[in-house]
Every structure is written in structure tokens, then in C-alpha cells.
């Protein structure tokens, strides 16, 4: 159940919304709305990772049971008997272990893409990592540090991009419906729909850079002057 528990840990860190708590509530809501594609992607991916982890646990139990049963049952028997049992049973167990190993690869790949989507959607609310077996993924957030300016820029840029794409799609649809030759209108419509990928691409980069808690440079401490001893008269 380790993969299941670690996937649950990832979902818990995502749902903490630590970085959103550094924003004004209104800005946090709007940023969350614009980040919906990544929220949806994370939801789908984490559901699939949970399913893979559960199925992995179900498959793991009989394989381990069968392997341990053969080892335990052949301990007290003659070497020739043990060799015969292993000769007959090991090819089947080996095939099970190959399937078992491929499932681990599937879980690692699913988990990696899940945490990538969650990392973007949470604005970098936990530590970026690759393996689900990493000991710690939580990140300490200083709530005194605010990213409201970054959120305002985020909202404006994405809103403008979405507006431009929507206008192009609308104009293209009208031209396609009214004009005798709908080819131009359909082209404009398709361009507008294609450009809807721009806001998503922008957020994928901006969300993990603009909301980072960049380390503050430590100010050099003033050197203490040695106390001057008063001369005794």
C-alpha cells in the first residue's frame, strides 16, 4: 500500500493550497479559475494513479504469497524435490514478477505526470520530485510573503489571451455563417480555437516561476567595534 499512501500524500499536499493562501482571496479565486485545465488534468491523473496503486497491491499479494509458500513448503524436503518444484513453478512466478515490474513502471510514470500537473496547479505548493518514494515532499510556506502582484499580472495576461481567442473564434464563426465562401471564416475560427492553447502554455511556465519564494539575500551584519578601554588616570 506504499504507492497508494504516497499518492494520497501528494493529493493532500495539493489540496492544502499553500501558495493560494499567500494571495488575496479574490485574486486566489480568479487564479484558481484560470488554472482549471491543470486542476482537471491533476484530478484525472491522480485518479488513474490511485487505481494503478490499488490494482498493484491486489496483484502483489498472490505473487508474494505463492513465492513464500513454495519457499516454506520446500525447506524440509530433499534437494532433488526442491529443484523439481522450482523447475515447475518458477517460470510461472517469473512471468508474474515481470508483469509486477511493468506495473511499477506504469505507477512511476503516472505518478510523475500527476505531480507535474499538481505542481503547476498548486503554483509550486510542494517540492518538485520524481519518485513516489521520496521521504518528504511538503514545503514550508511563509504566509507573510505575498504574491499579489504576480497574481494580477497572471490574471491580466491570461484574460487578454482568452479574450483575443474568443473574439477570433466568434468572428470566424460569424463569417463562416454569413459569407458565401465559409473557408475564410472557418480558418479564422480554427485559429482562434488553436490559440486557446497559449494561455495554458503561459500558465504552465508562469505558475512555477512567478509564485516561487525566492530566497532573500542575507544583509551583511554591521561589524561590532571593539570597546575602547578607558585609561585610568
Protein backbone atom coordinates (compact mmCIF):
# COMPACT_ATOMS: atom_id res chain seq x y z
CA UNK A 1 0.00 0.00 0.00
CA UNK A 2 3.03 2.31 -0.05
CA UNK A 3 2.29 3.68 -3.51
CA UNK A 4 -1.35 4.27 -2.53
CA UNK A 5 -0.35 6.09 0.67
CA UNK A 6 2.23 8.24 -1.11
CA UNK A 7 -0.30 9.17 -3.80
CA UNK A 8 -2.70 10.15 -1.04
CA UNK A 9 0.09 12.23 0.49
CA UNK A 10 0.54 14.02 -2.85
CA UNK A 11 -3.20 14.74 -3.09
CA UNK A 12 -3.17 16.04 0.48
CA UNK A 13 -0.28 18.42 -0.24
CA UNK A 14 -2.06 19.62 -3.37
CA UNK A 15 -5.33 20.26 -1.53
CA UNK A 16 -3.54 22.30 1.14
CA UNK A 17 -3.42 25.19 -1.41
CA UNK A 18 -0.47 26.67 0.44
CA UNK A 19 0.54 29.10 -2.31
CA UNK A 20 -3.03 30.30 -2.80
CA UNK A 21 -3.04 31.28 0.87
CA UNK A 22 -0.30 33.78 0.05
CA UNK A 23 -2.73 35.62 -2.25
CA UNK A 24 -5.61 37.96 -1.65
CA UNK A 25 -8.78 35.82 -1.54
CA UNK A 26 -10.31 37.42 -4.63
CA UNK A 27 -7.09 37.02 -6.61
CA UNK A 28 -6.75 33.43 -5.39
CA UNK A 29 -10.24 32.63 -6.73
CA UNK A 30 -9.52 34.13 -10.16
CA UNK A 31 -6.12 32.42 -10.40
CA UNK A 32 -7.80 29.13 -9.48
CA UNK A 33 -10.41 29.62 -12.21
CA UNK A 34 -7.76 30.23 -14.85
CA UNK A 35 -5.79 27.21 -13.62
CA UNK A 36 -8.80 24.92 -14.19
CA UNK A 37 -7.16 22.95 -17.07
CA UNK A 38 -4.37 21.88 -14.71
CA UNK A 39 -6.84 21.15 -11.90
CA UNK A 40 -8.79 18.86 -14.22
CA UNK A 41 -5.62 17.20 -15.51
CA UNK A 42 -4.41 16.60 -11.96
CA UNK A 43 -7.78 15.14 -10.94
CA UNK A 44 -7.79 12.69 -13.85
CA UNK A 45 -4.14 11.70 -13.36
CA UNK A 46 -4.38 11.24 -9.59
CA UNK A 47 -7.50 9.07 -10.04
CA UNK A 48 -5.62 6.87 -12.51
CA UNK A 49 -2.59 6.69 -10.18
CA UNK A 50 -4.84 5.65 -7.28
CA UNK A 51 -6.39 2.95 -9.47
CA UNK A 52 -2.93 1.71 -10.56
CA UNK A 53 -1.71 1.63 -6.95
CA UNK A 54 -4.77 -0.34 -5.79
CA UNK A 55 -4.51 -2.82 -8.68
CA UNK A 56 -0.77 -3.17 -7.97
CA UNK A 57 -1.49 -4.07 -4.34
CA UNK A 58 -4.12 -6.62 -5.39
CA UNK A 59 -1.73 -8.29 -7.84
CA UNK A 60 1.21 -8.13 -5.42
CA UNK A 61 -0.50 -10.16 -2.68
CA UNK A 62 -0.93 -13.51 -4.53
CA UNK A 63 2.54 -13.28 -6.11
CA UNK A 64 4.23 -12.82 -2.75
CA UNK A 65 2.01 -15.48 -1.16
CA UNK A 66 2.81 -18.04 -3.87
CA UNK A 67 6.54 -17.32 -3.75
CA UNK A 68 6.69 -17.59 0.07
CA UNK A 69 4.54 -20.72 0.03
CA UNK A 70 6.93 -22.53 -2.31
CA UNK A 71 9.96 -21.46 -0.23
CA UNK A 72 8.34 -22.57 3.04
CA UNK A 73 6.98 -25.87 1.74
CA UNK A 74 10.31 -26.97 0.26
CA UNK A 75 12.56 -26.12 3.22
CA UNK A 76 12.36 -29.58 4.82
CA UNK A 77 12.39 -31.61 1.60
CA UNK A 78 15.20 -33.23 -0.34
CA UNK A 79 17.26 -31.11 -2.72
CA UNK A 80 16.01 -33.04 -5.74
CA UNK A 81 12.39 -32.40 -4.76
CA UNK A 82 13.08 -28.71 -4.24
CA UNK A 83 14.74 -28.46 -7.64
CA UNK A 84 11.74 -30.16 -9.24
CA UNK A 85 9.28 -27.79 -7.55
CA UNK A 86 11.28 -24.72 -8.54
CA UNK A 87 11.71 -26.06 -12.07
CA UNK A 88 7.94 -26.46 -12.45
CA UNK A 89 6.79 -23.34 -10.62
CA UNK A 90 9.49 -20.74 -11.21
CA UNK A 91 8.61 -19.97 -14.89
CA UNK A 92 5.07 -19.05 -13.80
CA UNK A 93 6.31 -16.98 -10.86
CA UNK A 94 8.87 -15.27 -13.09
CA UNK A 95 6.14 -14.24 -15.56
CA UNK A 96 4.15 -12.84 -12.64
CA UNK A 97 7.19 -10.88 -11.46
CA UNK A 98 7.75 -9.44 -14.95
CA UNK A 99 4.13 -8.26 -15.01
CA UNK A 100 4.63 -6.96 -11.47
CA UNK A 101 7.71 -4.95 -12.54
CA UNK A 102 5.89 -3.45 -15.54
CA UNK A 103 3.14 -2.28 -13.22
CA UNK A 104 5.73 -0.46 -11.10
CA UNK A 105 6.95 1.34 -14.23
CA UNK A 106 3.34 2.35 -15.00
CA UNK A 107 2.88 3.70 -11.48
CA UNK A 108 6.11 5.72 -11.63
CA UNK A 109 5.15 7.26 -14.99
CA UNK A 110 1.60 8.06 -13.84
CA UNK A 111 2.85 9.50 -10.57
CA UNK A 112 5.42 11.69 -12.32
CA UNK A 113 2.89 13.29 -14.67
CA UNK A 114 0.39 13.59 -11.81
CA UNK A 115 2.79 15.50 -9.63
CA UNK A 116 3.82 17.70 -12.60
CA UNK A 117 0.19 18.71 -13.16
CA UNK A 118 -0.31 19.18 -9.41
CA UNK A 119 2.89 21.21 -9.09
CA UNK A 120 1.69 23.67 -11.74
CA UNK A 121 -1.90 23.81 -10.48
CA UNK A 122 -0.78 24.38 -6.88
CA UNK A 123 1.63 27.15 -8.01
CA UNK A 124 4.54 25.11 -6.69
CA UNK A 125 2.87 24.34 -3.37
CA UNK A 126 5.07 21.30 -2.72
CA UNK A 127 8.57 20.19 -3.65
CA UNK A 128 9.01 19.02 -7.23
CA UNK A 129 10.11 15.39 -7.21
CA UNK A 130 10.18 12.33 -9.45
CA UNK A 131 9.88 9.23 -7.29
CA UNK A 132 6.77 8.48 -5.23
CA UNK A 133 9.13 7.02 -2.63
CA UNK A 134 10.71 10.39 -1.73
CA UNK A 135 10.58 10.81 2.03
CA UNK A 136 9.40 14.43 2.12
CA UNK A 137 7.55 16.48 -0.47
CA UNK A 138 5.96 19.13 1.76
CA UNK A 139 7.13 22.71 1.56
CA UNK A 140 7.08 25.32 4.29
CA UNK A 141 5.28 28.46 3.15
CA UNK A 142 5.77 31.88 4.69
CA UNK A 143 2.28 33.39 4.75
CA UNK A 144 3.76 36.82 5.39
CA UNK A 145 5.18 36.83 1.87
CA UNK A 146 2.57 37.80 -0.71
CA UNK A 147 2.44 37.25 -4.45
CA UNK A 148 -0.47 39.54 -5.25
CA UNK A 149 1.41 41.45 -7.97
CA UNK A 150 2.31 38.18 -9.68
CA UNK A 151 -1.35 37.12 -9.47
CA UNK A 152 -2.58 40.39 -11.01
CA UNK A 153 -0.15 40.02 -13.94
CA UNK A 154 -1.22 36.39 -14.30
CA UNK A 155 -4.92 37.24 -14.43
CA UNK A 156 -4.49 40.13 -16.89
CA UNK A 157 -2.29 38.20 -19.34
CA UNK A 158 -4.50 35.09 -19.36
CA UNK A 159 -7.70 37.15 -19.59
CA UNK A 160 -6.35 39.07 -22.60
CA UNK A 161 -5.23 35.87 -24.34
CA UNK A 162 -8.59 34.18 -23.74
CA UNK A 163 -10.46 37.30 -24.92
CA UNK A 164 -8.45 37.52 -28.15
CA UNK A 165 -9.00 33.82 -28.86
CA UNK A 166 -12.73 34.11 -28.14
CA UNK A 167 -13.09 37.15 -30.42
CA UNK A 168 -11.27 35.37 -33.26
CA UNK A 169 -13.46 32.28 -32.84
CA UNK A 170 -16.63 34.40 -32.74
CA UNK A 171 -15.70 36.49 -35.79
CA UNK A 172 -14.68 33.37 -37.67
CA UNK A 173 -17.99 31.68 -36.82
CA UNK A 174 -19.99 34.72 -37.99
CA UNK A 175 -18.05 34.99 -41.25
CA UNK A 176 -18.47 31.26 -41.89
CA UNK A 177 -22.21 31.54 -41.33
CA UNK A 178 -22.78 34.71 -43.40
CA UNK A 179 -20.22 34.62 -46.24
CA UNK A 180 -20.80 32.76 -49.46
CA UNK A 181 -17.37 31.15 -49.11
CA UNK A 182 -17.07 29.92 -45.50
CA UNK A 183 -13.41 28.88 -45.89
CA UNK A 184 -12.00 32.17 -44.53
CA UNK A 185 -14.39 32.16 -41.58
CA UNK A 186 -13.62 28.54 -40.75
CA UNK A 187 -9.89 29.30 -40.93
CA UNK A 188 -10.24 32.24 -38.50
CA UNK A 189 -12.41 30.09 -36.23
CA UNK A 190 -9.82 27.30 -36.17
CA UNK A 191 -7.00 29.78 -35.49
CA UNK A 192 -8.97 31.20 -32.55
CA UNK A 193 -9.56 27.73 -31.12
CA UNK A 194 -5.93 26.72 -31.67
CA UNK A 195 -4.66 29.82 -29.87
CA UNK A 196 -6.58 28.78 -26.75
CA UNK A 197 -3.51 26.68 -26.03
CA UNK A 198 -1.49 29.86 -25.47
CA UNK A 199 -2.98 30.70 -22.03
CA UNK A 200 -2.40 27.11 -20.89
CA UNK A 201 1.20 27.14 -22.13
CA UNK A 202 1.78 30.53 -20.48
CA UNK A 203 0.41 29.34 -17.14
CA UNK A 204 2.46 26.15 -17.23
CA UNK A 205 5.64 28.24 -17.16
CA UNK A 206 4.47 31.31 -15.24
CA UNK A 207 2.87 29.42 -12.35
CA UNK A 208 6.09 27.67 -11.34
CA UNK A 209 8.29 30.78 -11.66
CA UNK A 210 6.29 33.83 -10.59
CA UNK A 211 4.95 32.37 -7.33
CA UNK A 212 8.24 30.99 -6.06
CA UNK A 213 9.52 32.14 -2.70
CA UNK A 214 12.88 33.24 -3.96
CA UNK A 215 15.45 33.15 -1.18
CA UNK A 216 16.18 36.56 0.24
CA UNK A 217 19.77 37.66 0.33
CA UNK A 218 21.01 37.97 3.86
CA UNK A 219 22.04 41.52 4.64
CA UNK A 220 25.56 41.76 6.00
CA UNK A 221 25.58 42.49 9.69
CA UNK A 222 27.49 45.59 10.76
CA UNK A 223 30.76 44.73 12.38
CA UNK A 224 30.85 45.44 16.06
CA UNK A 225 33.56 47.89 17.02
CA UNK A 226 35.71 46.75 19.88
CA UNK A 227 35.05 48.66 23.07
CA UNK A 228 37.79 51.20 23.87
CA UNK A 229 39.10 50.75 27.33
CA UNK A 230 39.16 53.96 29.31
CA UNK A 231 42.56 54.94 30.51
CA UNK A 232 42.88 55.13 34.22
CA UNK A 233 44.31 58.42 35.43
